[in-house]
Amino acid sequence: METVQELVPLAKEMMAQKPNGKMMKLYVLGSVVAFFGVVIGLVETVCSPFCANRCLQEDEAAVAAVQAARLRESRRREALLEKSKQQEALGGRSLSHRQHAS
């Protein structure tokens, strides 16, 4: 069916031939399924910009969270490195290296 105008002659022809109940149910079921397909396609087309924007925002938030975690980790490593350098400068050995306290 290329156009909607072809549906009216088709319906008139079907009624003139007096199809049995099973064929009518099949035509109606096919028409309903096709109609729902068109409606779902339209809804998806209308809503897709909003979904794409939300997905983009979620991706940006995830990237920002990963970058923040990496920055915290690098700062923590720098702090530990600085602390170990200070301990080496002060005592030479840390207390954890002592084997036995007498």
PDB file of N, CA and C in Angstrom:
ATOM      1  N   MET A   1       0.835  -1.175   0.000  1.00  0.00           N
ATOM      2  CA  MET A   1       0.000   0.000   0.000  1.00  0.00           C
ATOM      3  C   MET A   1       0.886   1.246   0.000  1.00  0.00           C
ATOM      4  N   GLU A   2       0.877   1.951  -1.095  1.00  0.00           N
ATOM      5  CA  GLU A   2       1.708   3.151  -1.194  1.00  0.00           C
ATOM      6  C   GLU A   2       1.043   4.353  -0.550  1.00  0.00           C
ATOM      7  N   THR A   3      -0.270   4.444  -0.669  1.00  0.00           N
ATOM      8  CA  THR A   3      -0.960   5.598  -0.100  1.00  0.00           C
ATOM      9  C   THR A   3      -2.170   5.135   0.687  1.00  0.00           C
ATOM     10  N   VAL A   4      -2.655   6.044   1.505  1.00  0.00           N
ATOM     11  CA  VAL A   4      -3.824   5.736   2.322  1.00  0.00           C
ATOM     12  C   VAL A   4      -5.076   5.653   1.448  1.00  0.00           C
ATOM     13  N   GLN A   5      -5.077   6.371   0.312  1.00  0.00           N
ATOM     14  CA  GLN A   5      -6.259   6.354  -0.559  1.00  0.00           C
ATOM     15  C   GLN A   5      -6.529   4.962  -1.124  1.00  0.00           C
ATOM     16  N   GLU A   6      -5.525   4.110  -1.167  1.00  0.00           N
ATOM     17  CA  GLU A   6      -5.724   2.754  -1.674  1.00  0.00           C
ATOM     18  C   GLU A   6      -6.428   1.853  -0.665  1.00  0.00           C
ATOM     19  N   LEU A   7      -6.468   2.273   0.591  1.00  0.00           N
ATOM     20  CA  LEU A   7      -7.115   1.445   1.612  1.00  0.00           C
ATOM     21  C   LEU A   7      -8.633   1.388   1.431  1.00  0.00           C
ATOM     22  N   VAL A   8      -9.236   2.494   1.049  1.00  0.00           N
ATOM     23  CA  VAL A   8     -10.697   2.543   0.900  1.00  0.00           C
ATOM     24  C   VAL A   8     -11.167   1.596  -0.206  1.00  0.00           C
ATOM     25  N   PRO A   9     -10.585   1.635  -1.409  1.00  0.00           N
ATOM     26  CA  PRO A   9     -11.020   0.667  -2.425  1.00  0.00           C
ATOM     27  C   PRO A   9     -10.761  -0.783  -2.006  1.00  0.00           C
ATOM     28  N   LEU A  10      -9.657  -1.016  -1.300  1.00  0.00           N
ATOM     29  CA  LEU A  10      -9.377  -2.372  -0.835  1.00  0.00           C
ATOM     30  C   LEU A  10     -10.453  -2.843   0.143  1.00  0.00           C
ATOM     31  N   ALA A  11     -10.841  -1.970   1.063  1.00  0.00           N
ATOM     32  CA  ALA A  11     -11.884  -2.340   2.022  1.00  0.00           C
ATOM     33  C   ALA A  11     -13.215  -2.595   1.319  1.00  0.00           C
ATOM     34  N   LYS A  12     -13.566  -1.772   0.329  1.00  0.00           N
ATOM     35  CA  LYS A  12     -14.816  -1.977  -0.407  1.00  0.00           C
ATOM     36  C   LYS A  12     -14.787  -3.295  -1.174  1.00  0.00           C
ATOM     37  N   GLU A  13     -13.647  -3.592  -1.778  1.00  0.00           N
ATOM     38  CA  GLU A  13     -13.522  -4.842  -2.524  1.00  0.00           C
ATOM     39  C   GLU A  13     -13.626  -6.051  -1.599  1.00  0.00           C
ATOM     40  N   MET A  14     -13.000  -5.941  -0.428  1.00  0.00           N
ATOM     41  CA  MET A  14     -13.073  -7.056   0.529  1.00  0.00           C
ATOM     42  C   MET A  14     -14.509  -7.283   0.989  1.00  0.00           C
ATOM     43  N   MET A  15     -15.250  -6.211   1.221  1.00  0.00           N
ATOM     44  CA  MET A  15     -16.626  -6.357   1.677  1.00  0.00           C
ATOM     45  C   MET A  15     -17.521  -6.904   0.556  1.00  0.00           C
ATOM     46  N   ALA A  16     -17.193  -6.569  -0.697  1.00  0.00           N
ATOM     47  CA  ALA A  16     -17.989  -7.072  -1.824  1.00  0.00           C
ATOM     48  C   ALA A  16     -17.791  -8.571  -2.000  1.00  0.00           C
ATOM     49  N   GLN A  17     -16.595  -9.082  -1.696  1.00  0.00           N
ATOM     50  CA  GLN A  17     -16.327 -10.506  -1.854  1.00  0.00           C
ATOM     51  C   GLN A  17     -16.830 -11.313  -0.664  1.00  0.00           C
ATOM     52  N   LYS A  18     -17.235 -10.661   0.398  1.00  0.00           N
ATOM     53  CA  LYS A  18     -17.752 -11.306   1.604  1.00  0.00           C
ATOM     54  C   LYS A  18     -16.779 -12.369   2.112  1.00  0.00           C
ATOM     55  N   PRO A  19     -15.640 -11.926   2.640  1.00  0.00           N
ATOM     56  CA  PRO A  19     -14.668 -12.892   3.158  1.00  0.00           C
ATOM     57  C   PRO A  19     -15.184 -13.548   4.435  1.00  0.00           C
ATOM     58  N   ASN A  20     -14.638 -14.734   4.705  1.00  0.00           N
ATOM     59  CA  ASN A  20     -15.091 -15.436   5.904  1.00  0.00           C
ATOM     60  C   ASN A  20     -14.499 -14.756   7.152  1.00  0.00           C
ATOM     61  N   GLY A  21     -14.943 -15.187   8.299  1.00  0.00           N
ATOM     62  CA  GLY A  21     -14.562 -14.556   9.564  1.00  0.00           C
ATOM     63  C   GLY A  21     -13.080 -14.640   9.866  1.00  0.00           C
ATOM     64  N   LYS A  22     -12.471 -15.766   9.509  1.00  0.00           N
ATOM     65  CA  LYS A  22     -11.047 -15.934   9.794  1.00  0.00           C
ATOM     66  C   LYS A  22     -10.198 -14.938   8.998  1.00  0.00           C
ATOM     67  N   MET A  23     -10.557 -14.729   7.741  1.00  0.00           N
ATOM     68  CA  MET A  23      -9.801 -13.777   6.921  1.00  0.00           C
ATOM     69  C   MET A  23      -9.964 -12.354   7.440  1.00  0.00           C
ATOM     70  N   MET A  24     -11.175 -12.015   7.858  1.00  0.00           N
ATOM     71  CA  MET A  24     -11.406 -10.669   8.405  1.00  0.00           C
ATOM     72  C   MET A  24     -10.585 -10.472   9.687  1.00  0.00           C
ATOM     73  N   LYS A  25     -10.563 -11.491  10.531  1.00  0.00           N
ATOM     74  CA  LYS A  25      -9.768 -11.383  11.758  1.00  0.00           C
ATOM     75  C   LYS A  25      -8.290 -11.217  11.425  1.00  0.00           C
ATOM     76  N   LEU A  26      -7.827 -11.920  10.413  1.00  0.00           N
ATOM     77  CA  LEU A  26      -6.424 -11.816  10.013  1.00  0.00           C
ATOM     78  C   LEU A  26      -6.111 -10.421   9.464  1.00  0.00           C
ATOM     79  N   TYR A  27      -7.015  -9.876   8.634  1.00  0.00           N
ATOM     80  CA  TYR A  27      -6.815  -8.522   8.110  1.00  0.00           C
ATOM     81  C   TYR A  27      -6.806  -7.493   9.244  1.00  0.00           C
ATOM     82  N   VAL A  28      -7.756  -7.629  10.168  1.00  0.00           N
ATOM     83  CA  VAL A  28      -7.839  -6.686  11.287  1.00  0.00           C
ATOM     84  C   VAL A  28      -6.591  -6.789  12.161  1.00  0.00           C
ATOM     85  N   LEU A  29      -6.155  -8.007  12.440  1.00  0.00           N
ATOM     86  CA  LEU A  29      -4.959  -8.186  13.261  1.00  0.00           C
ATOM     87  C   LEU A  29      -3.738  -7.578  12.580  1.00  0.00           C
ATOM     88  N   GLY A  30      -3.581  -7.812  11.302  1.00  0.00           N
ATOM     89  CA  GLY A  30      -2.464  -7.217  10.565  1.00  0.00           C
ATOM     90  C   GLY A  30      -2.517  -5.705  10.564  1.00  0.00           C
ATOM     91  N   SER A  31      -3.696  -5.153  10.403  1.00  0.00           N
ATOM     92  CA  SER A  31      -3.844  -3.696  10.420  1.00  0.00           C
ATOM     93  C   SER A  31      -3.506  -3.115  11.781  1.00  0.00           C
ATOM     94  N   VAL A  32      -3.942  -3.783  12.840  1.00  0.00           N
ATOM     95  CA  VAL A  32      -3.649  -3.301  14.197  1.00  0.00           C
ATOM     96  C   VAL A  32      -2.148  -3.357  14.470  1.00  0.00           C
ATOM     97  N   VAL A  33      -1.505  -4.448  14.083  1.00  0.00           N
ATOM     98  CA  VAL A  33      -0.055  -4.577  14.289  1.00  0.00           C
ATOM     99  C   VAL A  33       0.690  -3.505  13.493  1.00  0.00           C
ATOM    100  N   ALA A  34       0.266  -3.272  12.255  1.00  0.00           N
ATOM    101  CA  ALA A  34       0.897  -2.231  11.441  1.00  0.00           C
ATOM    102  C   ALA A  34       0.692  -0.852  12.054  1.00  0.00           C
ATOM    103  N   PHE A  35      -0.507  -0.589  12.562  1.00  0.00           N
ATOM    104  CA  PHE A  35      -0.788   0.699  13.197  1.00  0.00           C
ATOM    105  C   PHE A  35       0.095   0.906  14.432  1.00  0.00           C
ATOM    106  N   PHE A  36       0.218  -0.113  15.271  1.00  0.00           N
ATOM    107  CA  PHE A  36       1.075   0.011  16.460  1.00  0.00           C
ATOM    108  C   PHE A  36       2.542   0.192  16.066  1.00  0.00           C
ATOM    109  N   GLY A  37       2.958  -0.446  14.999  1.00  0.00           N
ATOM    110  CA  GLY A  37       4.326  -0.249  14.523  1.00  0.00           C
ATOM    111  C   GLY A  37       4.582   1.183  14.108  1.00  0.00           C
ATOM    112  N   VAL A  38       3.607   1.767  13.422  1.00  0.00           N
ATOM    113  CA  VAL A  38       3.743   3.164  13.009  1.00  0.00           C
ATOM    114  C   VAL A  38       3.767   4.080  14.225  1.00  0.00           C
ATOM    115  N   VAL A  39       2.897   3.838  15.195  1.00  0.00           N
ATOM    116  CA  VAL A  39       2.850   4.673  16.398  1.00  0.00           C
ATOM    117  C   VAL A  39       4.153   4.564  17.178  1.00  0.00           C
ATOM    118  N   ILE A  40       4.669   3.360  17.342  1.00  0.00           N
ATOM    119  CA  ILE A  40       5.924   3.173  18.074  1.00  0.00           C
ATOM    120  C   ILE A  40       7.072   3.860  17.338  1.00  0.00           C
ATOM    121  N   GLY A  41       7.093   3.764  16.035  1.00  0.00           N
ATOM    122  CA  GLY A  41       8.124   4.454  15.254  1.00  0.00           C
ATOM    123  C   GLY A  41       8.060   5.960  15.427  1.00  0.00           C
ATOM    124  N   LEU A  42       6.842   6.514  15.428  1.00  0.00           N
ATOM    125  CA  LEU A  42       6.695   7.957  15.626  1.00  0.00           C
ATOM    126  C   LEU A  42       7.139   8.378  17.022  1.00  0.00           C
ATOM    127  N   VAL A  43       6.753   7.620  18.022  1.00  0.00           N
ATOM    128  CA  VAL A  43       7.156   7.937  19.404  1.00  0.00           C
ATOM    129  C   VAL A  43       8.668   7.871  19.536  1.00  0.00           C
ATOM    130  N   GLU A  44       9.274   6.863  18.957  1.00  0.00           N
ATOM    131  CA  GLU A  44      10.728   6.734  19.015  1.00  0.00           C
ATOM    132  C   GLU A  44      11.417   7.897  18.308  1.00  0.00           C
ATOM    133  N   THR A  45      10.878   8.321  17.172  1.00  0.00           N
ATOM    134  CA  THR A  45      11.452   9.445  16.441  1.00  0.00           C
ATOM    135  C   THR A  45      11.342  10.739  17.241  1.00  0.00           C
ATOM    136  N   VAL A  46      10.209  10.949  17.877  1.00  0.00           N
ATOM    137  CA  VAL A  46      10.005  12.173  18.646  1.00  0.00           C
ATOM    138  C   VAL A  46      10.873  12.176  19.906  1.00  0.00           C
ATOM    139  N   CYS A  47      11.008  11.040  20.556  1.00  0.00           N
ATOM    140  CA  CYS A  47      11.722  10.978  21.836  1.00  0.00           C
ATOM    141  C   CYS A  47      13.225  10.779  21.681  1.00  0.00           C
ATOM    142  N   SER A  48      13.715  10.439  20.511  1.00  0.00           N
ATOM    143  CA  SER A  48      15.133  10.133  20.356  1.00  0.00           C
ATOM    144  C   SER A  48      16.056  11.300  20.683  1.00  0.00           C
ATOM    145  N   PRO A  49      15.740  12.562  20.373  1.00  0.00           N
ATOM    146  CA  PRO A  49      16.661  13.643  20.763  1.00  0.00           C
ATOM    147  C   PRO A  49      16.819  13.752  22.277  1.00  0.00           C
ATOM    148  N   PHE A  50      15.736  13.530  23.024  1.00  0.00           N
ATOM    149  CA  PHE A  50      15.808  13.621  24.472  1.00  0.00           C
ATOM    150  C   PHE A  50      16.629  12.481  25.044  1.00  0.00           C
ATOM    151  N   CYS A  51      16.450  11.298  24.489  1.00  0.00           N
ATOM    152  CA  CYS A  51      17.206  10.129  24.962  1.00  0.00           C
ATOM    153  C   CYS A  51      18.680  10.298  24.642  1.00  0.00           C
ATOM    154  N   ALA A  52      18.994  10.782  23.462  1.00  0.00           N
ATOM    155  CA  ALA A  52      20.388  10.976  23.080  1.00  0.00           C
ATOM    156  C   ALA A  52      21.045  12.014  23.979  1.00  0.00           C
ATOM    157  N   ASN A  53      20.334  13.074  24.318  1.00  0.00           N
ATOM    158  CA  ASN A  53      20.863  14.107  25.186  1.00  0.00           C
ATOM    159  C   ASN A  53      21.118  13.535  26.580  1.00  0.00           C
ATOM    160  N   ARG A  54      20.185  12.736  27.093  1.00  0.00           N
ATOM    161  CA  ARG A  54      20.337  12.141  28.423  1.00  0.00           C
ATOM    162  C   ARG A  54      21.498  11.155  28.430  1.00  0.00           C
ATOM    163  N   CYS A  55      21.620  10.344  27.392  1.00  0.00           N
ATOM    164  CA  CYS A  55      22.724   9.388  27.316  1.00  0.00           C
ATOM    165  C   CYS A  55      24.058  10.109  27.242  1.00  0.00           C
ATOM    166  N   LEU A  56      24.094  11.219  26.503  1.00  0.00           N
ATOM    167  CA  LEU A  56      25.316  12.010  26.400  1.00  0.00           C
ATOM    168  C   LEU A  56      25.686  12.594  27.753  1.00  0.00           C
ATOM    169  N   GLN A  57      24.699  13.081  28.494  1.00  0.00           N
ATOM    170  CA  GLN A  57      24.956  13.627  29.822  1.00  0.00           C
ATOM    171  C   GLN A  57      25.463  12.532  30.772  1.00  0.00           C
ATOM    172  N   GLU A  58      24.885  11.339  30.686  1.00  0.00           N
ATOM    173  CA  GLU A  58      25.334  10.238  31.535  1.00  0.00           C
ATOM    174  C   GLU A  58      26.767   9.848  31.203  1.00  0.00           C
ATOM    175  N   ASP A  59      27.111   9.834  29.918  1.00  0.00           N
ATOM    176  CA  ASP A  59      28.483   9.511  29.522  1.00  0.00           C
ATOM    177  C   ASP A  59      29.459  10.563  30.032  1.00  0.00           C
ATOM    178  N   GLU A  60      29.083  11.835  29.910  1.00  0.00           N
ATOM    179  CA  GLU A  60      29.951  12.904  30.396  1.00  0.00           C
ATOM    180  C   GLU A  60      30.134  12.811  31.904  1.00  0.00           C
ATOM    181  N   ALA A  61      29.073  12.482  32.630  1.00  0.00           N
ATOM    182  CA  ALA A  61      29.174  12.346  34.082  1.00  0.00           C
ATOM    183  C   ALA A  61      30.091  11.180  34.456  1.00  0.00           C
ATOM    184  N   ALA A  62      29.998  10.081  33.717  1.00  0.00           N
ATOM    185  CA  ALA A  62      30.857   8.929  34.004  1.00  0.00           C
ATOM    186  C   ALA A  62      32.322   9.266  33.734  1.00  0.00           C
ATOM    187  N   VAL A  63      32.596   9.980  32.656  1.00  0.00           N
ATOM    188  CA  VAL A  63      33.970  10.374  32.336  1.00  0.00           C
ATOM    189  C   VAL A  63      34.499  11.313  33.412  1.00  0.00           C
ATOM    190  N   ALA A  64      33.681  12.253  33.864  1.00  0.00           N
ATOM    191  CA  ALA A  64      34.108  13.186  34.909  1.00  0.00           C
ATOM    192  C   ALA A  64      34.399  12.442  36.213  1.00  0.00           C
ATOM    193  N   ALA A  65      33.592  11.428  36.531  1.00  0.00           N
ATOM    194  CA  ALA A  65      33.824  10.658  37.751  1.00  0.00           C
ATOM    195  C   ALA A  65      35.130   9.881  37.666  1.00  0.00           C
ATOM    196  N   VAL A  66      35.419   9.319  36.514  1.00  0.00           N
ATOM    197  CA  VAL A  66      36.675   8.574  36.342  1.00  0.00           C
ATOM    198  C   VAL A  66      37.870   9.516  36.438  1.00  0.00           C
ATOM    199  N   GLN A  67      37.761  10.689  35.831  1.00  0.00           N
ATOM    200  CA  GLN A  67      38.854  11.653  35.897  1.00  0.00           C
ATOM    201  C   GLN A  67      39.073  12.123  37.335  1.00  0.00           C
ATOM    202  N   ALA A  68      38.006  12.350  38.075  1.00  0.00           N
ATOM    203  CA  ALA A  68      38.137  12.768  39.470  1.00  0.00           C
ATOM    204  C   ALA A  68      38.801  11.665  40.304  1.00  0.00           C
ATOM    205  N   ALA A  69      38.433  10.413  40.054  1.00  0.00           N
ATOM    206  CA  ALA A  69      39.039   9.309  40.793  1.00  0.00           C
ATOM    207  C   ALA A  69      40.527   9.201  40.475  1.00  0.00           C
ATOM    208  N   ARG A  70      40.901   9.383  39.220  1.00  0.00           N
ATOM    209  CA  ARG A  70      42.319   9.338  38.843  1.00  0.00           C
ATOM    210  C   ARG A  70      43.094  10.477  39.499  1.00  0.00           C
ATOM    211  N   LEU A  71      42.504  11.653  39.548  1.00  0.00           N
ATOM    212  CA  LEU A  71      43.160  12.797  40.175  1.00  0.00           C
ATOM    213  C   LEU A  71      43.367  12.554  41.667  1.00  0.00           C
ATOM    214  N   ARG A  72      42.346  12.021  42.343  1.00  0.00           N
ATOM    215  CA  ARG A  72      42.491  11.698  43.769  1.00  0.00           C
ATOM    216  C   ARG A  72      43.580  10.665  43.993  1.00  0.00           C
ATOM    217  N   GLU A  73      43.611   9.657  43.139  1.00  0.00           N
ATOM    218  CA  GLU A  73      44.615   8.599  43.273  1.00  0.00           C
ATOM    219  C   GLU A  73      46.019   9.160  43.056  1.00  0.00           C
ATOM    220  N   SER A  74      46.193  10.024  42.073  1.00  0.00           N
ATOM    221  CA  SER A  74      47.525  10.593  41.827  1.00  0.00           C
ATOM    222  C   SER A  74      47.945  11.496  42.984  1.00  0.00           C
ATOM    223  N   ARG A  75      47.002  12.255  43.547  1.00  0.00           N
ATOM    224  CA  ARG A  75      47.329  13.094  44.706  1.00  0.00           C
ATOM    225  C   ARG A  75      47.705  12.238  45.913  1.00  0.00           C
ATOM    226  N   ARG A  76      46.984  11.139  46.097  1.00  0.00           N
ATOM    227  CA  ARG A  76      47.295  10.246  47.221  1.00  0.00           C
ATOM    228  C   ARG A  76      48.682   9.648  47.051  1.00  0.00           C
ATOM    229  N   ARG A  77      49.019   9.241  45.843  1.00  0.00           N
ATOM    230  CA  ARG A  77      50.352   8.682  45.587  1.00  0.00           C
ATOM    231  C   ARG A  77      51.441   9.717  45.833  1.00  0.00           C
ATOM    232  N   GLU A  78      51.184  10.946  45.375  1.00  0.00           N
ATOM    233  CA  GLU A  78      52.163  12.006  45.606  1.00  0.00           C
ATOM    234  C   GLU A  78      52.348  12.263  47.095  1.00  0.00           C
ATOM    235  N   ALA A  79      51.259  12.256  47.847  1.00  0.00           N
ATOM    236  CA  ALA A  79      51.352  12.483  49.290  1.00  0.00           C
ATOM    237  C   ALA A  79      52.134  11.359  49.962  1.00  0.00           C
ATOM    238  N   LEU A  80      51.884  10.121  49.578  1.00  0.00           N
ATOM    239  CA  LEU A  80      52.624   8.991  50.154  1.00  0.00           C
ATOM    240  C   LEU A  80      54.103   9.060  49.791  1.00  0.00           C
ATOM    241  N   LEU A  81      54.397   9.423  48.568  1.00  0.00           N
ATOM    242  CA  LEU A  81      55.787   9.549  48.133  1.00  0.00           C
ATOM    243  C   LEU A  81      56.492  10.653  48.917  1.00  0.00           C
ATOM    244  N   GLU A  82      55.818  11.770  49.103  1.00  0.00           N
ATOM    245  CA  GLU A  82      56.391  12.884  49.866  1.00  0.00           C
ATOM    246  C   GLU A  82      56.610  12.479  51.322  1.00  0.00           C
ATOM    247  N   LYS A  83      55.674  11.751  51.877  1.00  0.00           N
ATOM    248  CA  LYS A  83      55.794  11.302  53.269  1.00  0.00           C
ATOM    249  C   LYS A  83      56.966  10.339  53.419  1.00  0.00           C
ATOM    250  N   SER A  84      57.121   9.424  52.458  1.00  0.00           N
ATOM    251  CA  SER A  84      58.238   8.479  52.549  1.00  0.00           C
ATOM    252  C   SER A  84      59.574   9.201  52.385  1.00  0.00           C
ATOM    253  N   LYS A  85      59.628  10.229  51.558  1.00  0.00           N
ATOM    254  CA  LYS A  85      60.854  11.011  51.400  1.00  0.00           C
ATOM    255  C   LYS A  85      61.190  11.743  52.698  1.00  0.00           C
ATOM    256  N   GLN A  86      60.166  12.254  53.362  1.00  0.00           N
ATOM    257  CA  GLN A  86      60.403  12.945  54.630  1.00  0.00           C
ATOM    258  C   GLN A  86      60.904  11.978  55.692  1.00  0.00           C
ATOM    259  N   GLN A  87      60.346  10.778  55.742  1.00  0.00           N
ATOM    260  CA  GLN A  87      60.789   9.788  56.723  1.00  0.00           C
ATOM    261  C   GLN A  87      62.227   9.381  56.464  1.00  0.00           C
ATOM    262  N   GLU A  88      62.595   9.200  55.207  1.00  0.00           N
ATOM    263  CA  GLU A  88      63.971   8.841  54.880  1.00  0.00           C
ATOM    264  C   GLU A  88      64.934   9.950  55.269  1.00  0.00           C
ATOM    265  N   ALA A  89      64.521  11.185  55.089  1.00  0.00           N
ATOM    266  CA  ALA A  89      65.381  12.315  55.429  1.00  0.00           C
ATOM    267  C   ALA A  89      65.544  12.434  56.939  1.00  0.00           C
ATOM    268  N   LEU A  90      64.522  12.091  57.701  1.00  0.00           N
ATOM    269  CA  LEU A  90      64.586  12.236  59.153  1.00  0.00           C
ATOM    270  C   LEU A  90      65.312  11.080  59.834  1.00  0.00           C
ATOM    271  N   GLY A  91      64.921   9.874  59.567  1.00  0.00           N
ATOM    272  CA  GLY A  91      65.438   8.766  60.343  1.00  0.00           C
ATOM    273  C   GLY A  91      66.242   7.756  59.575  1.00  0.00           C
ATOM    274  N   GLY A  92      66.155   7.735  58.348  1.00  0.00           N
ATOM    275  CA  GLY A  92      66.878   6.749  57.564  1.00  0.00           C
ATOM    276  C   GLY A  92      66.089   5.468  57.395  1.00  0.00           C
ATOM    277  N   ARG A  93      65.577   4.945  58.504  1.00  0.00           N
ATOM    278  CA  ARG A  93      64.770   3.718  58.448  1.00  0.00           C
ATOM    279  C   ARG A  93      63.449   3.973  59.135  1.00  0.00           C
ATOM    280  N   SER A  94      62.438   3.356  58.659  1.00  0.00           N
ATOM    281  CA  SER A  94      61.143   3.510  59.309  1.00  0.00           C
ATOM    282  C   SER A  94      61.029   2.507  60.441  1.00  0.00           C
ATOM    283  N   LEU A  95      60.065   2.715  61.304  1.00  0.00           N
ATOM    284  CA  LEU A  95      59.891   1.845  62.463  1.00  0.00           C
ATOM    285  C   LEU A  95      59.459   0.440  62.069  1.00  0.00           C
ATOM    286  N   SER A  96      58.879   0.278  60.913  1.00  0.00           N
ATOM    287  CA  SER A  96      58.409  -1.042  60.502  1.00  0.00           C
ATOM    288  C   SER A  96      59.575  -1.976  60.169  1.00  0.00           C
ATOM    289  N   HIS A  97      60.784  -1.445  59.974  1.00  0.00           N
ATOM    290  CA  HIS A  97      61.924  -2.279  59.636  1.00  0.00           C
ATOM    291  C   HIS A  97      62.628  -2.838  60.886  1.00  0.00           C
ATOM    292  N   ARG A  98      62.225  -2.401  62.049  1.00  0.00           N
ATOM    293  CA  ARG A  98      62.874  -2.921  63.261  1.00  0.00           C
ATOM    294  C   ARG A  98      62.461  -4.353  63.481  1.00  0.00           C
ATOM    295  N   GLN A  99      63.396  -5.189  63.751  1.00  0.00           N
ATOM    296  CA  GLN A  99      63.114  -6.611  63.915  1.00  0.00           C
ATOM    297  C   GLN A  99      62.735  -6.942  65.340  1.00  0.00           C
ATOM    298  N   HIS A 100      63.421  -6.314  66.303  1.00  0.00           N
ATOM    299  CA  HIS A 100      63.191  -6.701  67.676  1.00  0.00           C
ATOM    300  C   HIS A 100      63.440  -5.499  68.563  1.00  0.00           C
ATOM    301  N   ALA A 101      62.518  -5.244  69.451  1.00  0.00           N
ATOM    302  CA  ALA A 101      62.729  -4.146  70.395  1.00  0.00           C
ATOM    303  C   ALA A 101      63.280  -4.725  71.692  1.00  0.00           C
ATOM    304  N   SER A 102      64.454  -4.255  72.101  1.00  0.00           N
ATOM    305  CA  SER A 102      65.022  -4.799  73.334  1.00  0.00           C
ATOM    306  C   SER A 102      65.152  -3.777  74.401  1.00  0.00           C
TER     307      SER A 102
END
